[in-house]
Amino acid sequence: MSLHLLVLMAGFAVGLAPANANAAGIPTAPAATVVPSASAPAAAEALRNWFNDPYFQVRSGMRRCPTPKGPMGTEADMRSESHSRTERGTSCWLAKKCSKQNSYLYDPDIAAAVRARFDASAALQDASLWVTVQRRIVWVEGCVAPGYAEGSLEHLLQGVADVELLVVNVTKTPRAKPPYRTLDR
């Protein structure tokens, strides 16, 4: 005789393995297995940089600046982005706009050049800024001082080899909702 039982308990499904009988034919207690159930409230899934996109902080002069989410995502995010990243990565080469087979292959060199520009400059020391590089696109996100001159970041990064687009998302008021996604939302 086999016993199969599924019980919902505190958001987890508890599955009981088939019961066994001892030598006298008396059923023994089944072993219990705990697995997350579909109805269980999901704990906050850890965010990861699944595709290893360059993401780094270049300035840390402003306190309480919300940290950009950058390329961090859940496993579900990674699964939903995988196919489109493949298409976007190779379309540059297929259109004969890139010499490398995939536009993501440029990212480490671009990241190194962007970091070198910040390292060589005394500009924006009173800012907190993070850089994300994906597919030859550079995002600079974070907080700048109220006296920030519009276009300063664009000027600093002008001419970095192989950059297709520079996106600057900064705020002068760190306590206000930033113009970028943050790690906490």
Protein backbone atom coordinates (compact mmCIF):
# COMPACT_ATOMS: atom_id res chain seq x y z
CA MET A 1 0.00 0.00 0.00
CA SER A 2 1.29 3.46 -0.93
CA LEU A 3 0.44 6.75 0.71
CA HIS A 4 0.91 10.02 -1.19
CA LEU A 5 -0.01 13.23 0.58
CA LEU A 6 0.50 16.91 -0.21
CA VAL A 7 -0.12 19.38 2.62
CA LEU A 8 0.20 23.16 2.46
CA MET A 9 1.83 24.38 5.61
CA ALA A 10 3.02 27.97 6.18
CA GLY A 11 3.40 28.55 2.47
CA PHE A 12 5.34 25.36 1.78
CA ALA A 13 4.18 22.14 0.23
CA VAL A 14 5.06 19.17 2.39
CA GLY A 15 5.12 16.02 0.31
CA LEU A 16 5.10 12.71 2.11
CA ALA A 17 6.91 9.88 0.39
CA PRO A 18 5.16 6.54 0.02
CA ALA A 19 4.89 4.67 3.31
CA ASN A 20 6.89 1.50 3.78
CA ALA A 21 5.95 -1.48 5.83
CA ASN A 22 8.27 -3.24 8.22
CA ALA A 23 8.82 -7.03 8.25
CA ALA A 24 5.60 -7.51 10.26
CA GLY A 25 3.57 -5.63 7.65
CA ILE A 26 3.01 -2.62 9.90
CA PRO A 27 3.33 0.69 7.98
CA THR A 28 6.31 2.79 8.99
CA ALA A 29 6.26 6.58 9.17
CA PRO A 30 6.84 8.19 5.80
CA ALA A 31 9.74 10.54 5.20
CA ALA A 32 8.77 14.20 4.70
CA THR A 33 10.10 16.45 1.97
CA VAL A 34 9.68 20.25 2.05
CA VAL A 35 9.61 22.18 -1.22
CA PRO A 36 8.48 25.75 -1.88
CA SER A 37 4.89 25.81 -3.12
CA ALA A 38 3.65 28.02 -5.92
CA SER A 39 1.37 29.77 -3.44
CA ALA A 40 4.18 30.56 -0.99
CA PRO A 41 5.07 34.23 -0.70
CA ALA A 42 8.33 34.60 -2.58
CA ALA A 43 11.24 35.90 -0.56
CA ALA A 44 13.09 38.73 -2.21
CA GLU A 45 15.27 37.04 -4.78
CA ALA A 46 18.90 38.10 -4.74
CA LEU A 47 19.96 40.32 -7.60
CA ARG A 48 22.98 39.36 -9.69
CA ASN A 49 24.88 40.68 -12.66
CA TRP A 50 23.97 37.57 -14.70
CA PHE A 51 25.70 38.64 -17.90
CA ASN A 52 28.79 40.11 -16.22
CA ASP A 53 28.21 43.55 -17.73
CA PRO A 54 30.75 46.16 -16.58
CA TYR A 55 29.20 48.03 -13.62
CA PHE A 56 31.30 50.09 -11.23
CA GLN A 57 31.36 53.22 -9.10
CA VAL A 58 33.61 56.06 -10.30
CA ARG A 59 32.77 58.76 -7.73
CA SER A 60 31.62 58.58 -4.10
CA GLY A 61 31.60 62.18 -2.94
CA MET A 62 27.89 62.59 -2.21
CA ARG A 63 26.28 60.89 0.77
CA ARG A 64 22.89 59.21 0.61
CA CYS A 65 22.86 58.88 -3.15
CA PRO A 66 20.61 55.96 -4.18
CA THR A 67 22.62 53.16 -5.77
CA PRO A 68 21.56 52.48 -9.37
CA LYS A 69 20.27 49.02 -10.19
CA GLY A 70 22.59 48.89 -13.19
CA PRO A 71 22.68 45.43 -14.78
CA MET A 72 21.54 43.66 -11.61
CA GLY A 73 18.52 41.40 -11.97
CA THR A 74 16.75 38.27 -10.85
CA GLU A 75 17.02 34.89 -12.51
CA ALA A 76 13.64 35.58 -14.14
CA ASP A 77 15.04 38.84 -15.55
CA MET A 78 18.02 36.93 -16.93
CA ARG A 79 15.80 34.36 -18.61
CA SER A 80 13.58 37.00 -20.20
CA GLU A 81 16.57 39.01 -21.49
CA SER A 82 18.69 36.16 -22.85
CA HIS A 83 17.16 35.93 -26.32
CA SER A 84 16.90 39.67 -26.92
CA ARG A 85 20.49 40.21 -25.76
CA THR A 86 21.64 37.65 -28.31
CA GLU A 87 19.73 39.39 -31.08
CA ARG A 88 20.86 42.89 -30.09
CA GLY A 89 24.44 41.76 -29.62
CA THR A 90 24.80 40.24 -33.07
CA SER A 91 22.71 42.76 -35.03
CA CYS A 92 25.61 45.25 -35.03
CA TRP A 93 27.89 42.74 -36.73
CA LEU A 94 25.23 41.52 -39.15
CA ALA A 95 24.57 45.14 -40.18
CA LYS A 96 28.34 45.50 -40.78
CA LYS A 97 28.54 48.30 -38.18
CA CYS A 98 30.93 46.35 -35.92
CA SER A 99 34.12 44.45 -36.61
CA LYS A 100 33.50 42.12 -33.65
CA GLN A 101 30.80 39.43 -33.88
CA ASN A 102 28.89 40.76 -30.87
CA SER A 103 28.55 44.31 -29.60
CA TYR A 104 28.91 43.11 -25.98
CA LEU A 105 32.51 42.12 -26.79
CA TYR A 106 33.42 45.83 -26.86
CA ASP A 107 32.18 46.45 -23.31
CA PRO A 108 35.28 45.52 -21.23
CA ASP A 109 37.52 47.83 -23.29
CA ILE A 110 34.96 50.63 -23.18
CA ALA A 111 34.63 50.22 -19.40
CA ALA A 112 38.40 50.41 -18.96
CA ALA A 113 38.57 53.58 -21.06
CA VAL A 114 35.69 55.20 -19.13
CA ARG A 115 37.31 54.32 -15.80
CA ALA A 116 40.63 55.75 -17.03
CA ARG A 117 38.92 59.03 -17.97
CA PHE A 118 37.48 59.37 -14.46
CA ASP A 119 40.77 58.33 -12.83
CA ALA A 120 42.67 60.98 -14.81
CA SER A 121 40.20 63.76 -14.01
CA ALA A 122 39.65 65.79 -10.86
CA ALA A 123 36.18 66.74 -12.10
CA LEU A 124 33.04 65.75 -10.23
CA GLN A 125 34.77 64.71 -7.00
CA ASP A 126 31.69 65.94 -5.12
CA ALA A 127 29.42 63.51 -7.02
CA SER A 128 28.49 59.85 -6.52
CA LEU A 129 28.40 58.14 -9.91
CA TRP A 130 28.14 54.60 -11.24
CA VAL A 131 28.82 53.37 -14.76
CA THR A 132 27.13 50.52 -16.61
CA VAL A 133 28.33 49.41 -20.05
CA GLN A 134 26.12 47.20 -22.21
CA ARG A 135 26.30 46.71 -25.95
CA ARG A 136 28.50 49.78 -26.58
CA ILE A 137 26.08 51.96 -24.59
CA VAL A 138 27.44 53.73 -21.50
CA TRP A 139 25.09 54.73 -18.69
CA VAL A 140 26.35 57.15 -16.03
CA GLU A 141 23.92 57.33 -13.12
CA GLY A 142 23.97 58.88 -9.69
CA CYS A 143 24.03 62.21 -7.89
CA VAL A 144 25.80 65.44 -8.71
CA ALA A 145 26.24 68.62 -6.68
CA PRO A 146 23.75 71.47 -7.17
CA GLY A 147 26.43 73.42 -9.07
CA TYR A 148 26.89 70.66 -11.67
CA ALA A 149 27.34 72.13 -15.15
CA GLU A 150 25.09 70.35 -17.65
CA GLY A 151 27.18 68.52 -20.23
CA SER A 152 30.19 67.98 -17.94
CA LEU A 153 29.90 64.18 -18.08
CA GLU A 154 29.36 64.20 -21.83
CA HIS A 155 32.47 66.36 -22.24
CA LEU A 156 34.53 64.08 -19.97
CA LEU A 157 33.58 60.94 -21.91
CA GLN A 158 33.52 62.43 -25.39
CA GLY A 159 35.58 60.41 -27.84
CA VAL A 160 35.80 57.12 -25.90
CA ALA A 161 36.42 54.58 -28.65
CA ASP A 162 33.56 52.33 -29.80
CA VAL A 163 30.87 54.02 -27.66
CA GLU A 164 27.64 54.12 -29.65
CA LEU A 165 25.60 56.08 -27.10
CA LEU A 166 26.15 57.85 -23.76
CA VAL A 167 23.16 58.05 -21.40
CA VAL A 168 23.48 60.40 -18.41
CA ASN A 169 20.86 59.95 -15.67
CA VAL A 170 21.84 62.11 -12.71
CA THR A 171 20.05 64.07 -10.02
CA LYS A 172 21.07 67.16 -8.07
CA THR A 173 18.71 66.20 -5.23
CA PRO A 174 19.62 62.77 -3.80
CA ARG A 175 16.59 62.68 -1.48
CA ALA A 176 14.18 63.04 -4.41
CA LYS A 177 13.19 60.11 -6.62
CA PRO A 178 16.17 59.57 -8.96
CA PRO A 179 15.79 59.42 -12.76
CA TYR A 180 17.09 55.82 -12.75
CA ARG A 181 16.08 52.46 -11.27
CA THR A 182 17.67 51.77 -7.91
CA LEU A 183 18.61 48.59 -6.09
CA ASP A 184 15.75 49.05 -3.64
CA ARG A 185 12.93 49.33 -6.21
